Amino acid sequence: MILALFLILLSASSGNCAAHGEMAILTAENAAAPPGAVLLVMDGVGASYVYPEFQAYSITGRPIPGIKLLNLTSRGARVLDLRVPVPSTSPAHSVLVTGQRDADEALVGTGSTVFDTLREEGFLCLALLQRGDFQNMLEEQDGVVYFEDNSLCGDPTLGARADLPPSVQLMLQQWRNAFAAYAGSSYARYNRWGLDAAADMVGRLDQPFFLLVNIGGADSAAHARGADQYLETISALDAPLGRLMEACQEKGVLLGVTADHGMSFSNRGGHASAQYAERLESLRIPLVFVGDPADDLILDGIWSQTAVAPTLLRLLGIDDPRFPADRALPLARLARLTVLLQGPQSVELNGTDLKAIKGSGSSAYRFEGLKRGTYTVKALDASHRVDVISDQVLDLRRVDQASARQDGEPFVPRWMVGSALIVLINLAGLLVVWRVWRGG
């Protein structure tokens, strides 16, 4: 009898939670989602060489001069210290697109990438890959131009799904053919092909898209020629990078700039082998997002490359449980405030220069488009002050239990009720065992 009563109560409680579990979305300031995004991966470009805050050193301790990339460091939301789990090309690209620390090429093919999420949201997934072009990465694309031999004089290959729009396939074909004019012995021209192609495609694409671009000139220069050629190749990135930024700005497209890994030097460059892999020059990479809704800031602290994928989706306004928003870096200009209540209740949000936003009938609310500042949440005749710097969660479920009671009325928390029910069911079980034992 006790067991049956417990199951009835449990069933009723579960049904109530399910009925009111849907999140209510309320918007303070509309921030239109970007119509597309570009993620530029500068293969092998370490933050130690391009961030003015850092000084790079060779393995022997010799200082290596840095490079000023004003178009990289003078605008947008810049993450000061982002580190890779594995400073190697294929694992790092796998981490970039899955957000998983232990990602490898196999994981990229299991429906766990940003490409899968974005395609579900109606985005066209395209890529220009001088590196990072392993098979599963290629198969994630609707259209791709890639370099099988990684050669400066190579012949790029075009790949496309059957349903790729003909105009987009023609665009990729044109840039595949155009590589002949960039090919040769220049690492800078090799990079410039990727940046010029990306800028042109951004200007011509007229549907939601995600474009992944890998430029491999700096990585090749480091391995083949050493630090001087590496730095010269990086220096040549500034002008074509500026043109890509202008193209993205004109179309309202979000641009992310990062690297797969950094680079360390003895005579020549390396990053994955034992003598290089633990050095900050190999582990620390740049990350900059430019364009609304990214803010204009420098984010301090030490962060992981695993945050790139959830941050990209957060800035595009896309929610996916595979990439939890609480793992995203706080780079958005406007923040979210999630309010959790014990049951369906009314809620009101007030703030400086904010017209009151009210909601009712739900136990979970998310206020979108909040400027940084102090807000007041009113629920069950109580006010709660919240300082919103980045995305926040205000959990009032315990508070609501206490505030909902009448003055002088004893308050029994739900955890105590639950504990009592657990004790009762255990006693009932012992009683059954005892009766069976006696009957035997």
Protein backbone atom coordinates (compact mmCIF):
# COMPACT_ATOMS: atom_id res chain seq x y z
CA MET A 1 0.00 0.00 0.00
CA ILE A 2 2.80 2.38 0.94
CA LEU A 3 4.69 1.45 -2.22
CA ALA A 4 1.65 2.08 -4.40
CA LEU A 5 1.08 5.48 -2.76
CA PHE A 6 4.71 6.43 -3.34
CA LEU A 7 4.53 5.50 -7.02
CA ILE A 8 1.33 7.53 -7.46
CA LEU A 9 2.96 10.58 -5.88
CA LEU A 10 6.09 10.14 -7.97
CA SER A 11 4.05 9.82 -11.16
CA ALA A 12 2.06 12.97 -10.39
CA SER A 13 5.22 14.93 -9.61
CA SER A 14 6.95 13.81 -12.82
CA GLY A 15 3.99 14.71 -14.97
CA ASN A 16 3.85 18.22 -13.51
CA CYS A 17 7.54 18.84 -14.23
CA ALA A 18 7.20 17.68 -17.81
CA ALA A 19 4.22 19.89 -18.43
CA HIS A 20 6.03 23.06 -17.41
CA GLY A 21 9.61 22.26 -18.41
CA GLU A 22 9.67 24.34 -21.58
CA MET A 23 11.89 27.42 -21.55
CA ALA A 24 10.14 30.75 -22.17
CA ILE A 25 12.29 33.15 -24.23
CA LEU A 26 11.92 36.89 -23.59
CA THR A 27 13.98 39.46 -25.49
CA ALA A 28 15.22 42.81 -24.19
CA GLU A 29 17.11 43.95 -27.28
CA ASN A 30 16.88 42.23 -30.61
CA ALA A 31 20.28 41.20 -31.95
CA ALA A 32 19.89 39.78 -35.43
CA ALA A 33 21.83 36.57 -35.90
CA PRO A 34 24.62 36.85 -38.50
CA PRO A 35 23.66 35.48 -41.93
CA GLY A 36 26.86 33.48 -42.03
CA ALA A 37 30.21 32.83 -40.42
CA VAL A 38 33.83 32.30 -41.45
CA LEU A 39 36.32 30.46 -39.26
CA LEU A 40 39.87 31.15 -40.43
CA VAL A 41 42.49 28.70 -39.17
CA MET A 42 46.02 30.08 -39.64
CA ASP A 43 47.88 26.80 -39.51
CA GLY A 44 50.79 26.85 -37.08
CA VAL A 45 50.48 30.54 -36.11
CA GLY A 46 51.15 30.80 -32.38
CA ALA A 47 49.79 33.62 -30.24
CA SER A 48 53.30 34.06 -28.82
CA TYR A 49 54.36 35.60 -32.15
CA VAL A 50 51.34 37.80 -32.98
CA TYR A 51 50.00 39.03 -29.63
CA PRO A 52 51.81 42.12 -28.31
CA GLU A 53 51.40 40.85 -24.74
CA PHE A 54 53.74 37.87 -25.30
CA GLN A 55 57.41 37.22 -26.00
CA ALA A 56 58.40 34.06 -27.85
CA TYR A 57 61.63 32.16 -27.16
CA SER A 58 63.47 29.44 -29.03
CA ILE A 59 64.20 26.11 -27.36
CA THR A 60 67.66 27.43 -26.46
CA GLY A 61 66.16 30.53 -24.81
CA ARG A 62 66.84 32.99 -27.62
CA PRO A 63 64.15 35.72 -27.87
CA ILE A 64 62.22 35.63 -31.16
CA PRO A 65 60.72 38.95 -32.30
CA GLY A 66 56.98 39.24 -32.66
CA ILE A 67 54.92 40.39 -35.63
CA LYS A 68 52.36 43.19 -35.61
CA LEU A 69 49.09 42.03 -37.16
CA LEU A 70 46.99 45.10 -36.50
CA ASN A 71 43.97 43.67 -38.28
CA LEU A 72 44.08 40.73 -35.90
CA THR A 73 44.74 42.45 -32.58
CA SER A 74 43.11 45.89 -32.87
CA ARG A 75 39.43 44.96 -33.08
CA GLY A 76 36.84 42.45 -32.00
CA ALA A 77 36.68 40.07 -29.04
CA ARG A 78 40.20 38.72 -28.47
CA VAL A 79 40.99 35.80 -26.15
CA LEU A 80 44.37 36.43 -24.58
CA ASP A 81 45.45 32.92 -23.59
CA LEU A 82 43.83 30.02 -25.47
CA ARG A 83 45.64 26.69 -25.37
CA VAL A 84 45.32 23.53 -27.42
CA PRO A 85 45.01 20.06 -25.84
CA VAL A 86 47.16 18.50 -28.58
CA PRO A 87 49.50 20.65 -30.74
CA SER A 88 49.06 18.56 -33.88
CA THR A 89 47.10 19.36 -37.04
CA SER A 90 44.47 16.61 -37.33
CA PRO A 91 43.65 16.30 -33.59
CA ALA A 92 43.50 20.09 -33.25
CA HIS A 93 41.12 20.47 -36.20
CA SER A 94 38.99 17.72 -34.67
CA VAL A 95 38.85 19.66 -31.38
CA LEU A 96 37.97 22.89 -33.20
CA VAL A 97 34.86 21.44 -34.86
CA THR A 98 33.63 19.16 -32.05
CA GLY A 99 34.54 21.02 -28.86
CA GLN A 100 35.79 17.71 -27.41
CA ARG A 101 39.20 17.57 -25.75
CA ASP A 102 39.98 14.01 -26.88
CA ALA A 103 38.51 14.38 -30.37
CA ASP A 104 40.13 12.61 -33.28
CA GLU A 105 39.41 12.08 -36.95
CA ALA A 106 36.91 9.30 -36.19
CA LEU A 107 34.80 11.51 -33.91
CA VAL A 108 34.45 14.11 -36.66
CA GLY A 109 32.45 11.57 -38.66
CA THR A 110 29.87 10.72 -35.96
CA GLY A 111 27.41 13.61 -36.26
CA SER A 112 29.07 15.55 -33.44
CA THR A 113 30.45 18.59 -35.26
CA VAL A 114 29.41 22.18 -35.73
CA PHE A 115 28.80 21.29 -39.38
CA ASP A 116 26.03 18.89 -38.36
CA THR A 117 24.42 21.49 -36.11
CA LEU A 118 24.64 24.28 -38.67
CA ARG A 119 23.34 22.12 -41.50
CA GLU A 120 20.30 21.29 -39.34
CA GLU A 121 19.77 25.05 -39.00
CA GLY A 122 19.79 25.53 -42.78
CA PHE A 123 23.43 26.61 -43.20
CA LEU A 124 25.50 25.64 -46.21
CA CYS A 125 28.83 24.17 -45.04
CA LEU A 126 31.84 25.01 -47.21
CA ALA A 127 35.61 24.75 -46.79
CA LEU A 128 38.91 25.86 -48.32
CA LEU A 129 41.54 23.56 -46.82
CA GLN A 130 45.29 23.69 -47.35
CA ARG A 131 45.67 21.55 -44.19
CA GLY A 132 43.29 19.62 -41.94
CA ASP A 133 41.73 17.89 -44.94
CA PHE A 134 41.36 14.35 -43.57
CA GLN A 135 38.55 12.23 -45.00
CA ASN A 136 35.89 12.75 -42.33
CA MET A 137 36.45 16.50 -42.41
CA LEU A 138 35.97 16.52 -46.17
CA GLU A 139 32.78 14.47 -45.93
CA GLU A 140 31.26 17.01 -43.53
CA GLN A 141 31.27 19.68 -46.26
CA ASP A 142 28.62 20.52 -48.84
CA GLY A 143 31.42 21.89 -51.00
CA VAL A 144 35.19 21.98 -50.52
CA VAL A 145 38.45 22.84 -52.28
CA TYR A 146 41.39 21.03 -50.69
CA PHE A 147 45.08 20.26 -51.27
CA GLU A 148 45.92 16.56 -51.13
CA ASP A 149 49.70 17.05 -51.21
CA ASN A 150 49.97 20.33 -49.20
CA SER A 151 52.29 21.62 -51.92
CA LEU A 152 52.81 25.28 -52.76
CA CYS A 153 52.65 24.23 -56.40
CA GLY A 154 49.89 21.67 -55.91
CA ASP A 155 46.71 21.13 -57.88
CA PRO A 156 43.68 21.73 -55.63
CA THR A 157 40.79 19.26 -55.70
CA LEU A 158 37.11 20.22 -55.77
CA GLY A 159 34.55 18.13 -53.90
CA ALA A 160 30.81 18.75 -53.75
CA ARG A 161 27.60 17.06 -52.69
CA ALA A 162 25.01 16.38 -55.36
CA ASP A 163 22.63 19.00 -53.95
CA LEU A 164 25.18 21.84 -53.77
CA PRO A 165 23.67 24.84 -55.61
CA PRO A 166 25.27 25.15 -59.08
CA SER A 167 26.21 28.79 -58.46
CA VAL A 168 28.20 27.81 -55.36
CA GLN A 169 29.89 24.92 -57.14
CA LEU A 170 30.87 27.30 -59.95
CA MET A 171 32.33 29.69 -57.37
CA LEU A 172 34.46 26.93 -55.87
CA GLN A 173 35.54 25.79 -59.33
CA GLN A 174 36.62 29.32 -60.23
CA TRP A 175 38.82 29.56 -57.15
CA ARG A 176 40.22 26.08 -57.69
CA ASN A 177 41.29 27.21 -61.16
CA ALA A 178 42.57 30.54 -59.85
CA PHE A 179 45.19 28.87 -57.65
CA ALA A 180 47.55 28.56 -60.63
CA ALA A 181 48.05 32.33 -60.50
CA TYR A 182 49.11 32.10 -56.82
CA ALA A 183 51.22 28.94 -56.99
CA GLY A 184 55.00 29.03 -56.79
CA SER A 185 57.64 29.31 -54.12
CA SER A 186 55.95 32.03 -52.05
CA TYR A 187 54.37 30.98 -48.76
CA ALA A 188 52.68 34.38 -48.56
CA ARG A 189 50.97 33.91 -51.95
CA TYR A 190 49.87 30.43 -50.89
CA ASN A 191 48.10 31.98 -47.89
CA ARG A 192 46.74 34.86 -49.92
CA TRP A 193 44.85 32.51 -52.22
CA GLY A 194 42.80 31.25 -49.27
CA LEU A 195 42.10 34.72 -47.91
CA ASP A 196 41.21 36.21 -51.31
CA ALA A 197 38.93 33.27 -52.09
CA ALA A 198 37.17 33.59 -48.73
CA ALA A 199 36.63 37.35 -49.15
CA ASP A 200 35.17 36.86 -52.62
CA MET A 201 32.86 34.04 -51.51
CA VAL A 202 31.56 36.04 -48.54
CA GLY A 203 30.56 38.82 -50.92
CA ARG A 204 28.79 36.47 -53.34
CA LEU A 205 27.00 33.94 -51.12
CA ASP A 206 23.33 34.81 -50.63
CA GLN A 207 22.20 32.09 -48.21
CA PRO A 208 23.20 31.19 -44.63
CA PHE A 209 26.66 29.62 -44.72
CA PHE A 210 29.60 28.50 -42.64
CA LEU A 211 32.99 28.69 -44.33
CA LEU A 212 36.01 26.96 -42.79
CA VAL A 213 39.32 28.23 -44.19
CA ASN A 214 42.73 26.74 -43.43
CA ILE A 215 45.81 28.55 -44.72
CA GLY A 216 49.02 26.53 -44.39
CA GLY A 217 51.81 28.85 -45.50
CA ALA A 218 53.20 29.73 -42.07
CA ASP A 219 53.26 26.09 -40.97
CA SER A 220 55.11 25.06 -44.13
CA ALA A 221 57.57 27.95 -43.83
CA ALA A 222 58.40 27.06 -40.23
CA HIS A 223 59.06 23.39 -40.95
CA ALA A 224 61.04 23.99 -44.14
CA ARG A 225 62.84 27.30 -43.61
CA GLY A 226 62.87 28.19 -39.91
CA ALA A 227 61.88 31.19 -37.81
CA ASP A 228 62.79 34.05 -40.18
CA GLN A 229 60.68 32.74 -43.08
CA TYR A 230 57.89 31.87 -40.65
CA LEU A 231 57.75 35.44 -39.33
CA GLU A 232 57.91 36.89 -42.84
CA THR A 233 54.99 34.72 -43.92
CA ILE A 234 52.91 35.77 -40.91
CA SER A 235 53.68 39.45 -41.53
CA ALA A 236 52.23 39.16 -45.05
CA LEU A 237 48.87 38.06 -43.62
CA ASP A 238 47.80 41.49 -42.39
CA ALA A 239 46.64 43.08 -45.66
CA PRO A 240 44.61 40.14 -47.06
CA LEU A 241 43.19 39.51 -43.59
CA GLY A 242 42.01 43.12 -43.55
CA ARG A 243 40.24 42.60 -46.89
CA LEU A 244 38.48 39.52 -45.54
CA MET A 245 37.37 41.47 -42.47
CA GLU A 246 35.96 44.24 -44.66
CA ALA A 247 34.03 41.72 -46.77
CA CYS A 248 32.55 40.14 -43.65
CA GLN A 249 31.65 43.52 -42.18
CA GLU A 250 29.82 44.58 -45.35
CA LYS A 251 27.67 41.45 -45.28
CA GLY A 252 27.21 41.31 -41.49
CA VAL A 253 29.06 37.97 -41.40
CA LEU A 254 30.75 36.77 -38.21
CA LEU A 255 34.50 36.18 -38.59
CA GLY A 256 36.54 34.01 -36.25
CA VAL A 257 40.34 33.87 -36.56
CA THR A 258 42.34 31.19 -34.78
CA ALA A 259 45.00 28.49 -35.32
CA ASP A 260 45.19 24.75 -34.92
CA HIS A 261 48.43 24.90 -32.92
CA GLY A 262 51.43 27.15 -32.39
CA MET A 263 55.09 26.65 -33.31
CA SER A 264 58.41 26.28 -31.49
CA PHE A 265 61.90 26.63 -32.92
CA SER A 266 65.35 25.17 -32.63
CA ASN A 267 66.87 25.49 -36.10
CA ARG A 268 63.56 24.79 -37.78
CA GLY A 269 60.02 24.75 -36.50
CA GLY A 270 58.16 21.96 -34.76
CA HIS A 271 55.14 21.54 -32.50
CA ALA A 272 54.08 17.89 -32.06
CA SER A 273 57.26 16.02 -31.10
CA ALA A 274 58.45 15.71 -27.51
CA GLN A 275 60.93 18.61 -27.50
CA TYR A 276 58.27 21.04 -28.78
CA ALA A 277 54.86 19.83 -27.59
CA GLU A 278 54.91 21.17 -24.02
CA ARG A 279 56.16 24.65 -24.86
CA LEU A 280 53.79 27.61 -24.67
CA GLU A 281 54.92 28.67 -28.13
CA SER A 282 53.35 25.42 -29.42
CA LEU A 283 50.28 25.38 -27.18
CA ARG A 284 49.07 28.99 -27.16
CA ILE A 285 47.00 30.11 -30.16
CA PRO A 286 45.13 33.28 -31.12
CA LEU A 287 41.34 33.54 -31.08
CA VAL A 288 39.51 36.65 -32.26
CA PHE A 289 35.85 37.07 -33.21
CA VAL A 290 34.91 40.15 -35.22
CA GLY A 291 31.40 41.31 -36.07
CA ASP A 292 28.11 41.57 -34.24
CA PRO A 293 27.21 40.02 -31.82
CA ALA A 294 30.86 39.73 -30.69
CA ASP A 295 31.93 42.53 -28.35
CA ASP A 296 35.08 44.66 -28.53
CA LEU A 297 37.16 43.33 -25.62
CA ILE A 298 40.18 41.35 -24.48
CA LEU A 299 39.31 38.26 -22.43
CA ASP A 300 41.93 37.46 -19.80
CA GLY A 301 42.50 34.09 -18.14
CA ILE A 302 43.57 30.71 -19.49
CA TRP A 303 41.06 28.98 -21.79
CA SER A 304 40.89 25.84 -23.90
CA GLN A 305 40.53 25.29 -27.63
CA THR A 306 37.49 23.16 -26.74
CA ALA A 307 35.54 26.40 -26.20
CA VAL A 308 35.80 27.51 -29.84
CA ALA A 309 32.89 25.40 -31.16
CA PRO A 310 30.33 26.32 -28.44
CA THR A 311 31.41 29.97 -28.65
CA LEU A 312 30.86 30.03 -32.41
CA LEU A 313 27.35 28.61 -32.03
CA ARG A 314 26.54 30.96 -29.13
CA LEU A 315 27.50 33.97 -31.25
CA LEU A 316 25.33 32.64 -34.09
CA GLY A 317 22.39 32.37 -31.68
CA ILE A 318 22.13 28.59 -32.06
CA ASP A 319 21.39 26.27 -29.13
CA ASP A 320 22.50 22.65 -29.27
CA PRO A 321 22.90 20.36 -26.23
CA ARG A 322 25.93 18.81 -27.95
CA PHE A 323 27.65 22.18 -27.44
CA PRO A 324 26.40 23.51 -24.07
CA ALA A 325 26.19 27.29 -23.99
CA ASP A 326 27.79 27.36 -20.53
CA ARG A 327 31.04 26.23 -22.18
CA ALA A 328 31.05 29.21 -24.52
CA LEU A 329 33.47 32.05 -23.86
CA PRO A 330 31.86 35.32 -22.66
CA LEU A 331 32.48 37.26 -25.87
CA ALA A 332 28.95 38.31 -26.83
CA ARG A 333 28.01 41.99 -26.70
CA LEU A 334 24.61 41.09 -25.25
CA ALA A 335 24.13 38.51 -22.51
CA ARG A 336 21.50 35.99 -21.45
CA LEU A 337 19.91 35.64 -18.04
CA THR A 338 18.19 32.33 -17.31
CA VAL A 339 15.76 32.27 -14.36
CA LEU A 340 14.68 28.91 -12.91
CA LEU A 341 11.59 28.74 -10.68
CA GLN A 342 10.03 25.94 -8.65
CA GLY A 343 6.84 25.87 -10.71
CA PRO A 344 4.87 27.95 -13.23
CA GLN A 345 5.03 31.51 -11.94
CA SER A 346 5.08 35.08 -13.14
CA VAL A 347 8.39 36.87 -13.39
CA GLU A 348 9.47 40.43 -14.11
CA LEU A 349 12.87 41.81 -15.10
CA ASN A 350 13.84 45.44 -14.53
CA GLY A 351 17.05 47.32 -15.17
CA THR A 352 18.47 50.75 -15.88
CA ASP A 353 17.17 52.03 -19.22
CA LEU A 354 15.19 48.81 -19.62
CA LYS A 355 11.44 48.72 -19.91
CA ALA A 356 10.06 46.04 -17.59
CA ILE A 357 9.88 42.62 -19.24
CA LYS A 358 7.20 40.32 -17.86
CA GLY A 359 6.42 36.67 -18.35
CA SER A 360 3.98 34.17 -16.89
CA GLY A 361 2.99 30.51 -17.04
CA SER A 362 6.45 28.93 -17.06
CA SER A 363 8.97 27.65 -14.55
CA ALA A 364 11.99 28.61 -16.67
CA TYR A 365 12.67 31.89 -18.44
CA ARG A 366 15.54 33.09 -20.56
CA PHE A 367 15.98 36.82 -21.03
CA GLU A 368 17.91 37.50 -24.23
CA GLY A 369 19.72 40.61 -25.42
CA LEU A 370 20.77 42.11 -22.08
CA LYS A 371 23.44 44.77 -21.88
CA ARG A 372 26.01 44.35 -19.13
CA GLY A 373 24.72 45.85 -15.90
CA THR A 374 22.62 45.29 -12.78
CA TYR A 375 19.09 43.92 -13.04
CA THR A 376 16.27 43.10 -10.64
CA VAL A 377 14.25 39.91 -11.00
CA LYS A 378 10.84 39.89 -9.30
CA ALA A 379 9.19 36.55 -8.57
CA LEU A 380 6.71 35.57 -5.83
CA ASP A 381 6.74 39.08 -4.34
CA ALA A 382 10.50 38.91 -3.80
CA SER A 383 13.20 40.89 -5.59
CA HIS A 384 16.59 39.51 -6.53
CA ARG A 385 19.48 41.64 -7.72
CA VAL A 386 21.68 40.18 -10.46
CA ASP A 387 24.90 41.60 -11.92
CA VAL A 388 24.96 40.49 -15.55
CA ILE A 389 28.48 40.52 -16.97
CA SER A 390 28.09 37.49 -19.22
CA ASP A 391 25.51 34.72 -19.54
CA GLN A 392 24.06 34.03 -16.08
CA VAL A 393 21.71 31.53 -14.42
CA LEU A 394 19.58 32.62 -11.45
CA ASP A 395 18.24 29.51 -9.72
CA LEU A 396 15.32 30.49 -7.47
CA ARG A 397 13.86 27.04 -6.98
CA ARG A 398 14.93 26.72 -3.32
CA VAL A 399 14.23 30.40 -2.69
CA ASP A 400 10.74 30.05 -4.14
CA GLN A 401 9.90 27.20 -1.78
CA ALA A 402 10.71 29.39 1.20
CA SER A 403 9.12 32.58 -0.10
CA ALA A 404 5.89 30.87 -1.19
CA ARG A 405 4.80 29.96 2.34
CA GLN A 406 2.50 32.18 4.41
CA ASP A 407 3.92 34.07 7.39
CA GLY A 408 4.09 31.79 10.42
CA GLU A 409 3.45 28.68 8.30
CA PRO A 410 6.02 25.92 8.88
CA PHE A 411 8.24 25.28 5.89
CA VAL A 412 9.13 21.72 4.93
CA PRO A 413 11.64 21.55 2.05
CA ARG A 414 10.97 19.07 -0.72
CA TRP A 415 14.22 17.26 -0.05
CA MET A 416 12.89 16.36 3.42
CA VAL A 417 9.65 15.07 1.92
CA GLY A 418 11.61 13.05 -0.62
CA SER A 419 13.85 11.61 2.09
CA ALA A 420 10.81 10.60 4.13
CA LEU A 421 9.29 8.83 1.14
CA ILE A 422 12.55 6.95 0.52
CA VAL A 423 12.59 5.81 4.16
CA LEU A 424 8.97 4.66 3.87
CA ILE A 425 9.61 2.61 0.74
CA ASN A 426 12.65 0.98 2.36
CA LEU A 427 10.57 0.10 5.42
CA ALA A 428 7.88 -1.34 3.18
CA GLY A 429 10.48 -3.49 1.44
CA LEU A 430 11.85 -4.74 4.76
CA LEU A 431 8.32 -5.57 5.88
CA VAL A 432 7.73 -7.67 2.75
CA VAL A 433 11.03 -9.51 3.25
CA TRP A 434 10.18 -10.17 6.91
CA ARG A 435 6.77 -11.60 6.02
CA VAL A 436 8.24 -13.86 3.35
CA TRP A 437 10.88 -15.03 5.81
CA ARG A 438 8.23 -15.79 8.46
CA GLY A 439 6.07 -17.58 5.91
CA GLY A 440 9.03 -19.73 4.95
